[in-house]
Amino acid sequence: MAAQKSKKSNSRAADTRRMARRNPMYSYIQDLYNRSAPLLICEAALLGFAAILIVFRPIAMLSMMTFIIGVALILFGLYRTIAGFMVSRAPGGGWIDVIFGLVNIILGVLFCAYPVDSFMGIVYVFIALLLFKAIKALIFAINMARARVGHYAMDLTVAVVLFLLAVLLMFFPMVGAITMIYTLAIILLLYAASDIYMFIELVHLKNKIKE
């Protein structure tokens, strides 16, 4: 049995050498396929599985995402705090880094302890940004209308749409949170589809280079 496997392996190696002599690109494509194909398939499977979990368990995934953000904030805060203490010994100090790091640690702990409420906080920050952008677009539209230049009607429409979105999210913040989650699921599915497409292209290229 071992002898047969050895013969098959030697035969494949000989075929590879013959193809490489006949076509210099063959060895490069073969190496690219061997290195990339398994990674692309595994990545597509993981991303697709994560997207399916997000679609069917959005609240659980929302909590997990917020927890991960909290852990990242804690780690970043520890790094900034330690770096600040080290710099503080030098002339000028690094107390701003220390304070910034401690704030990040506190935010990280809150995110880990209260994941859903923390994500709601992110939604309200997003609402504030939408309102700010709507006010900017409205002021710009008014100035363009006074000057009678530009497409101020489009700017006014954008301002109204942004304002309505902000009001909708203000009264239904969970809608915004769930929307963000489903948007993430769509992005993950697109990444998975991209990996599958690249895998198919690699297989096609490998088969074509053999001809």
C-alpha atoms as a PDB file:
ATOM      1  CA  MET A   1       0.000   0.000   0.000  1.00  0.00           C
ATOM      2  CA  ALA A   2       2.789   2.406   0.953  1.00  0.00           C
ATOM      3  CA  ALA A   3       4.639   1.479  -2.213  1.00  0.00           C
ATOM      4  CA  GLN A   4       1.599   2.285  -4.367  1.00  0.00           C
ATOM      5  CA  LYS A   5       1.207   5.692  -2.684  1.00  0.00           C
ATOM      6  CA  SER A   6       4.895   6.377  -3.233  1.00  0.00           C
ATOM      7  CA  LYS A   7       4.587   5.479  -6.926  1.00  0.00           C
ATOM      8  CA  LYS A   8       1.535   7.747  -7.342  1.00  0.00           C
ATOM      9  CA  SER A   9       3.346  10.599  -5.585  1.00  0.00           C
ATOM     10  CA  ASN A  10       6.428  10.158  -7.760  1.00  0.00           C
ATOM     11  CA  SER A  11       4.221  10.018 -10.865  1.00  0.00           C
ATOM     12  CA  ARG A  12       2.478  13.280  -9.922  1.00  0.00           C
ATOM     13  CA  ALA A  13       5.838  14.927  -9.223  1.00  0.00           C
ATOM     14  CA  ALA A  14       7.123  13.761 -12.618  1.00  0.00           C
ATOM     15  CA  ASP A  15       4.002  15.113 -14.329  1.00  0.00           C
ATOM     16  CA  THR A  16       4.488  18.434 -12.573  1.00  0.00           C
ATOM     17  CA  ARG A  17       8.114  18.652 -13.709  1.00  0.00           C
ATOM     18  CA  ARG A  18       7.147  17.841 -17.301  1.00  0.00           C
ATOM     19  CA  MET A  19       4.409  20.476 -17.278  1.00  0.00           C
ATOM     20  CA  ALA A  20       6.772  23.036 -15.734  1.00  0.00           C
ATOM     21  CA  ARG A  21       9.340  22.416 -18.507  1.00  0.00           C
ATOM     22  CA  ARG A  22       6.652  22.706 -21.163  1.00  0.00           C
ATOM     23  CA  ASN A  23       4.983  25.783 -19.623  1.00  0.00           C
ATOM     24  CA  PRO A  24       6.992  27.961 -17.186  1.00  0.00           C
ATOM     25  CA  MET A  25       3.778  29.416 -15.716  1.00  0.00           C
ATOM     26  CA  TYR A  26       2.492  25.999 -14.684  1.00  0.00           C
ATOM     27  CA  SER A  27       4.575  25.672 -11.501  1.00  0.00           C
ATOM     28  CA  TYR A  28       3.604  29.198 -10.428  1.00  0.00           C
ATOM     29  CA  ILE A  29      -0.128  28.549 -10.986  1.00  0.00           C
ATOM     30  CA  GLN A  30       0.105  25.167  -9.266  1.00  0.00           C
ATOM     31  CA  ASP A  31       1.831  26.711  -6.251  1.00  0.00           C
ATOM     32  CA  LEU A  32      -0.709  29.554  -6.159  1.00  0.00           C
ATOM     33  CA  TYR A  33      -3.570  27.049  -6.256  1.00  0.00           C
ATOM     34  CA  ASN A  34      -2.079  24.870  -3.507  1.00  0.00           C
ATOM     35  CA  ARG A  35      -1.561  27.865  -1.219  1.00  0.00           C
ATOM     36  CA  SER A  36      -4.737  29.836  -1.928  1.00  0.00           C
ATOM     37  CA  ALA A  37      -7.498  27.331  -2.716  1.00  0.00           C
ATOM     38  CA  PRO A  38      -7.846  25.780   0.781  1.00  0.00           C
ATOM     39  CA  LEU A  39      -7.699  29.220   2.399  1.00  0.00           C
ATOM     40  CA  LEU A  40     -10.398  30.611   0.085  1.00  0.00           C
ATOM     41  CA  ILE A  41     -12.742  27.670   0.727  1.00  0.00           C
ATOM     42  CA  CYS A  42     -12.273  27.802   4.516  1.00  0.00           C
ATOM     43  CA  GLU A  43     -12.714  31.577   4.602  1.00  0.00           C
ATOM     44  CA  ALA A  44     -15.867  31.421   2.459  1.00  0.00           C
ATOM     45  CA  ALA A  45     -17.332  28.698   4.702  1.00  0.00           C
ATOM     46  CA  LEU A  46     -16.572  30.633   7.900  1.00  0.00           C
ATOM     47  CA  LEU A  47     -17.925  33.935   6.552  1.00  0.00           C
ATOM     48  CA  GLY A  48     -21.051  32.244   5.191  1.00  0.00           C
ATOM     49  CA  PHE A  49     -21.650  30.477   8.507  1.00  0.00           C
ATOM     50  CA  ALA A  50     -21.222  33.760  10.416  1.00  0.00           C
ATOM     51  CA  ALA A  51     -23.664  35.514   8.058  1.00  0.00           C
ATOM     52  CA  ILE A  52     -26.271  32.761   8.566  1.00  0.00           C
ATOM     53  CA  LEU A  53     -25.866  33.032  12.344  1.00  0.00           C
ATOM     54  CA  ILE A  54     -26.348  36.801  12.137  1.00  0.00           C
ATOM     55  CA  VAL A  55     -29.538  36.412  10.076  1.00  0.00           C
ATOM     56  CA  PHE A  56     -31.132  33.815  12.372  1.00  0.00           C
ATOM     57  CA  ARG A  57     -29.716  35.043  15.722  1.00  0.00           C
ATOM     58  CA  PRO A  58     -29.338  38.821  15.338  1.00  0.00           C
ATOM     59  CA  ILE A  59     -29.688  39.725  19.043  1.00  0.00           C
ATOM     60  CA  ALA A  60     -27.160  37.111  20.154  1.00  0.00           C
ATOM     61  CA  MET A  61     -24.706  38.234  17.472  1.00  0.00           C
ATOM     62  CA  LEU A  62     -25.352  41.863  18.452  1.00  0.00           C
ATOM     63  CA  SER A  63     -24.344  41.058  22.027  1.00  0.00           C
ATOM     64  CA  MET A  64     -21.280  39.132  20.891  1.00  0.00           C
ATOM     65  CA  MET A  65     -20.143  41.948  18.599  1.00  0.00           C
ATOM     66  CA  THR A  66     -20.510  44.507  21.375  1.00  0.00           C
ATOM     67  CA  PHE A  67     -18.577  42.222  23.743  1.00  0.00           C
ATOM     68  CA  ILE A  68     -15.751  41.930  21.181  1.00  0.00           C
ATOM     69  CA  ILE A  69     -15.693  45.729  20.813  1.00  0.00           C
ATOM     70  CA  GLY A  70     -15.520  45.992  24.614  1.00  0.00           C
ATOM     71  CA  VAL A  71     -12.561  43.610  24.837  1.00  0.00           C
ATOM     72  CA  ALA A  72     -10.781  45.539  22.069  1.00  0.00           C
ATOM     73  CA  LEU A  73     -11.381  48.832  23.920  1.00  0.00           C
ATOM     74  CA  ILE A  74     -10.019  47.358  27.162  1.00  0.00           C
ATOM     75  CA  LEU A  75      -6.868  46.062  25.450  1.00  0.00           C
ATOM     76  CA  PHE A  76      -6.331  49.356  23.639  1.00  0.00           C
ATOM     77  CA  GLY A  77      -6.961  51.261  26.860  1.00  0.00           C
ATOM     78  CA  LEU A  78      -4.426  49.135  28.765  1.00  0.00           C
ATOM     79  CA  TYR A  79      -1.855  49.732  26.050  1.00  0.00           C
ATOM     80  CA  ARG A  80      -2.397  53.509  26.078  1.00  0.00           C
ATOM     81  CA  THR A  81      -2.383  53.634  29.890  1.00  0.00           C
ATOM     82  CA  ILE A  82       0.852  51.638  30.223  1.00  0.00           C
ATOM     83  CA  ALA A  83       2.476  53.665  27.440  1.00  0.00           C
ATOM     84  CA  GLY A  84       1.340  56.873  29.142  1.00  0.00           C
ATOM     85  CA  PHE A  85       2.845  55.845  32.491  1.00  0.00           C
ATOM     86  CA  MET A  86       6.124  55.021  30.787  1.00  0.00           C
ATOM     87  CA  VAL A  87       6.215  58.370  28.970  1.00  0.00           C
ATOM     88  CA  SER A  88       5.124  60.260  32.105  1.00  0.00           C
ATOM     89  CA  ARG A  89       8.533  59.586  33.645  1.00  0.00           C
ATOM     90  CA  ALA A  90      10.133  61.637  30.892  1.00  0.00           C
ATOM     91  CA  PRO A  91      10.004  65.458  30.803  1.00  0.00           C
ATOM     92  CA  GLY A  92       6.555  66.653  29.700  1.00  0.00           C
ATOM     93  CA  GLY A  93       4.800  63.485  30.895  1.00  0.00           C
ATOM     94  CA  GLY A  94       2.172  61.366  29.163  1.00  0.00           C
ATOM     95  CA  TRP A  95      -0.844  61.922  31.387  1.00  0.00           C
ATOM     96  CA  ILE A  96      -3.150  62.618  28.436  1.00  0.00           C
ATOM     97  CA  ASP A  97      -2.426  59.084  27.205  1.00  0.00           C
ATOM     98  CA  VAL A  98      -3.118  57.725  30.674  1.00  0.00           C
ATOM     99  CA  ILE A  99      -6.472  59.512  30.921  1.00  0.00           C
ATOM    100  CA  PHE A 100      -7.419  58.476  27.371  1.00  0.00           C
ATOM    101  CA  GLY A 101      -6.460  54.880  28.141  1.00  0.00           C
ATOM    102  CA  LEU A 102      -8.493  54.800  31.355  1.00  0.00           C
ATOM    103  CA  VAL A 103     -11.541  56.191  29.515  1.00  0.00           C
ATOM    104  CA  ASN A 104     -11.182  53.424  26.940  1.00  0.00           C
ATOM    105  CA  ILE A 105     -10.947  50.807  29.679  1.00  0.00           C
ATOM    106  CA  ILE A 106     -14.115  52.132  31.355  1.00  0.00           C
ATOM    107  CA  LEU A 107     -15.960  52.133  28.021  1.00  0.00           C
ATOM    108  CA  GLY A 108     -14.735  48.601  27.314  1.00  0.00           C
ATOM    109  CA  VAL A 109     -15.980  47.338  30.687  1.00  0.00           C
ATOM    110  CA  LEU A 110     -19.377  48.959  30.055  1.00  0.00           C
ATOM    111  CA  PHE A 111     -19.546  47.366  26.599  1.00  0.00           C
ATOM    112  CA  CYS A 112     -18.764  43.935  28.065  1.00  0.00           C
ATOM    113  CA  ALA A 113     -21.139  44.286  31.020  1.00  0.00           C
ATOM    114  CA  TYR A 114     -24.049  45.856  29.106  1.00  0.00           C
ATOM    115  CA  PRO A 115     -23.652  44.779  25.449  1.00  0.00           C
ATOM    116  CA  VAL A 116     -27.152  45.569  24.137  1.00  0.00           C
ATOM    117  CA  ASP A 117     -27.424  48.921  25.956  1.00  0.00           C
ATOM    118  CA  SER A 118     -23.947  49.866  24.740  1.00  0.00           C
ATOM    119  CA  PHE A 119     -24.892  49.106  21.150  1.00  0.00           C
ATOM    120  CA  MET A 120     -27.971  51.284  21.622  1.00  0.00           C
ATOM    121  CA  GLY A 121     -25.551  54.017  22.653  1.00  0.00           C
ATOM    122  CA  ILE A 122     -23.709  53.564  19.353  1.00  0.00           C
ATOM    123  CA  VAL A 123     -27.038  53.904  17.530  1.00  0.00           C
ATOM    124  CA  TYR A 124     -27.737  57.203  19.324  1.00  0.00           C
ATOM    125  CA  VAL A 125     -24.286  58.470  18.365  1.00  0.00           C
ATOM    126  CA  PHE A 126     -25.144  57.549  14.786  1.00  0.00           C
ATOM    127  CA  ILE A 127     -28.434  59.471  15.156  1.00  0.00           C
ATOM    128  CA  ALA A 128     -26.530  62.557  16.329  1.00  0.00           C
ATOM    129  CA  LEU A 129     -24.210  62.277  13.309  1.00  0.00           C
ATOM    130  CA  LEU A 130     -27.204  61.986  10.974  1.00  0.00           C
ATOM    131  CA  LEU A 131     -28.799  65.102  12.487  1.00  0.00           C
ATOM    132  CA  PHE A 132     -25.520  67.007  12.205  1.00  0.00           C
ATOM    133  CA  LYS A 133     -25.175  65.989   8.557  1.00  0.00           C
ATOM    134  CA  ALA A 134     -28.822  66.909   7.877  1.00  0.00           C
ATOM    135  CA  ILE A 135     -28.306  70.393   9.362  1.00  0.00           C
ATOM    136  CA  LYS A 136     -25.150  70.879   7.272  1.00  0.00           C
ATOM    137  CA  ALA A 137     -26.963  69.791   4.104  1.00  0.00           C
ATOM    138  CA  LEU A 138     -29.910  72.093   4.924  1.00  0.00           C
ATOM    139  CA  ILE A 139     -27.645  75.119   5.485  1.00  0.00           C
ATOM    140  CA  PHE A 140     -25.784  74.337   2.260  1.00  0.00           C
ATOM    141  CA  ALA A 141     -29.070  74.039   0.342  1.00  0.00           C
ATOM    142  CA  ILE A 142     -30.308  77.380   1.718  1.00  0.00           C
ATOM    143  CA  ASN A 143     -27.050  79.119   0.764  1.00  0.00           C
ATOM    144  CA  MET A 144     -27.175  77.608  -2.742  1.00  0.00           C
ATOM    145  CA  ALA A 145     -30.804  78.667  -3.137  1.00  0.00           C
ATOM    146  CA  ARG A 146     -29.966  82.243  -2.129  1.00  0.00           C
ATOM    147  CA  ALA A 147     -27.047  82.344  -4.544  1.00  0.00           C
ATOM    148  CA  ARG A 148     -29.203  80.643  -7.225  1.00  0.00           C
ATOM    149  CA  VAL A 149     -26.398  78.251  -8.128  1.00  0.00           C
ATOM    150  CA  GLY A 150     -25.936  74.506  -7.842  1.00  0.00           C
ATOM    151  CA  HIS A 151     -28.519  71.765  -7.388  1.00  0.00           C
ATOM    152  CA  TYR A 152     -29.926  73.017  -4.109  1.00  0.00           C
ATOM    153  CA  ALA A 153     -33.109  70.939  -4.522  1.00  0.00           C
ATOM    154  CA  MET A 154     -31.008  67.758  -4.301  1.00  0.00           C
ATOM    155  CA  ASP A 155     -29.216  69.042  -1.193  1.00  0.00           C
ATOM    156  CA  LEU A 156     -32.560  69.901   0.388  1.00  0.00           C
ATOM    157  CA  THR A 157     -33.860  66.404  -0.400  1.00  0.00           C
ATOM    158  CA  VAL A 158     -30.770  64.839   1.173  1.00  0.00           C
ATOM    159  CA  ALA A 159     -31.243  66.988   4.292  1.00  0.00           C
ATOM    160  CA  VAL A 160     -34.891  65.952   4.635  1.00  0.00           C
ATOM    161  CA  VAL A 161     -34.100  62.242   4.120  1.00  0.00           C
ATOM    162  CA  LEU A 162     -31.289  62.319   6.694  1.00  0.00           C
ATOM    163  CA  PHE A 163     -33.518  64.133   9.183  1.00  0.00           C
ATOM    164  CA  LEU A 164     -36.334  61.603   8.703  1.00  0.00           C
ATOM    165  CA  LEU A 165     -33.886  58.707   9.158  1.00  0.00           C
ATOM    166  CA  ALA A 166     -32.598  60.272  12.375  1.00  0.00           C
ATOM    167  CA  VAL A 167     -36.131  60.744  13.718  1.00  0.00           C
ATOM    168  CA  LEU A 168     -37.066  57.164  12.777  1.00  0.00           C
ATOM    169  CA  LEU A 169     -34.009  55.781  14.568  1.00  0.00           C
ATOM    170  CA  MET A 170     -34.702  58.027  17.553  1.00  0.00           C
ATOM    171  CA  PHE A 171     -38.137  56.454  18.077  1.00  0.00           C
ATOM    172  CA  PHE A 172     -37.109  52.955  16.972  1.00  0.00           C
ATOM    173  CA  PRO A 173     -33.421  52.543  17.932  1.00  0.00           C
ATOM    174  CA  MET A 174     -33.608  48.745  17.808  1.00  0.00           C
ATOM    175  CA  VAL A 175     -34.469  49.032  14.099  1.00  0.00           C
ATOM    176  CA  GLY A 176     -31.143  50.796  13.560  1.00  0.00           C
ATOM    177  CA  ALA A 177     -29.252  48.158  15.538  1.00  0.00           C
ATOM    178  CA  ILE A 178     -30.864  45.266  13.657  1.00  0.00           C
ATOM    179  CA  THR A 179     -30.282  47.074  10.343  1.00  0.00           C
ATOM    180  CA  MET A 180     -26.576  47.360  11.150  1.00  0.00           C
ATOM    181  CA  ILE A 181     -26.475  43.656  11.963  1.00  0.00           C
ATOM    182  CA  TYR A 182     -28.176  42.644   8.705  1.00  0.00           C
ATOM    183  CA  THR A 183     -25.900  45.001   6.780  1.00  0.00           C
ATOM    184  CA  LEU A 184     -22.939  43.172   8.324  1.00  0.00           C
ATOM    185  CA  ALA A 185     -24.488  39.839   7.276  1.00  0.00           C
ATOM    186  CA  ILE A 186     -24.793  41.074   3.681  1.00  0.00           C
ATOM    187  CA  ILE A 187     -21.157  42.258   3.699  1.00  0.00           C
ATOM    188  CA  LEU A 188     -19.990  38.873   5.015  1.00  0.00           C
ATOM    189  CA  LEU A 189     -21.992  37.055   2.322  1.00  0.00           C
ATOM    190  CA  LEU A 190     -20.454  39.291  -0.350  1.00  0.00           C
ATOM    191  CA  TYR A 191     -16.978  38.481   0.966  1.00  0.00           C
ATOM    192  CA  ALA A 192     -17.820  34.759   0.946  1.00  0.00           C
ATOM    193  CA  ALA A 193     -19.132  35.029  -2.630  1.00  0.00           C
ATOM    194  CA  SER A 194     -15.920  36.834  -3.608  1.00  0.00           C
ATOM    195  CA  ASP A 195     -13.812  34.019  -2.135  1.00  0.00           C
ATOM    196  CA  ILE A 196     -15.841  31.392  -4.010  1.00  0.00           C
ATOM    197  CA  TYR A 197     -15.486  33.354  -7.251  1.00  0.00           C
ATOM    198  CA  MET A 198     -11.697  33.571  -6.795  1.00  0.00           C
ATOM    199  CA  PHE A 199     -11.559  29.826  -6.068  1.00  0.00           C
ATOM    200  CA  ILE A 200     -13.506  29.061  -9.273  1.00  0.00           C
ATOM    201  CA  GLU A 201     -11.185  31.347 -11.225  1.00  0.00           C
ATOM    202  CA  LEU A 202      -8.151  29.562  -9.769  1.00  0.00           C
ATOM    203  CA  VAL A 203      -9.560  26.161 -10.756  1.00  0.00           C
ATOM    204  CA  HIS A 204     -10.334  27.466 -14.252  1.00  0.00           C
ATOM    205  CA  LEU A 205      -6.817  28.913 -14.561  1.00  0.00           C
ATOM    206  CA  LYS A 206      -5.230  25.687 -13.319  1.00  0.00           C
ATOM    207  CA  ASN A 207      -7.165  23.586 -15.817  1.00  0.00           C
ATOM    208  CA  LYS A 208      -6.438  26.018 -18.639  1.00  0.00           C
ATOM    209  CA  ILE A 209      -2.699  26.072 -17.977  1.00  0.00           C
ATOM    210  CA  LYS A 210      -2.647  22.256 -18.322  1.00  0.00           C
ATOM    211  CA  GLU A 211      -4.026  22.411 -21.860  1.00  0.00           C
END
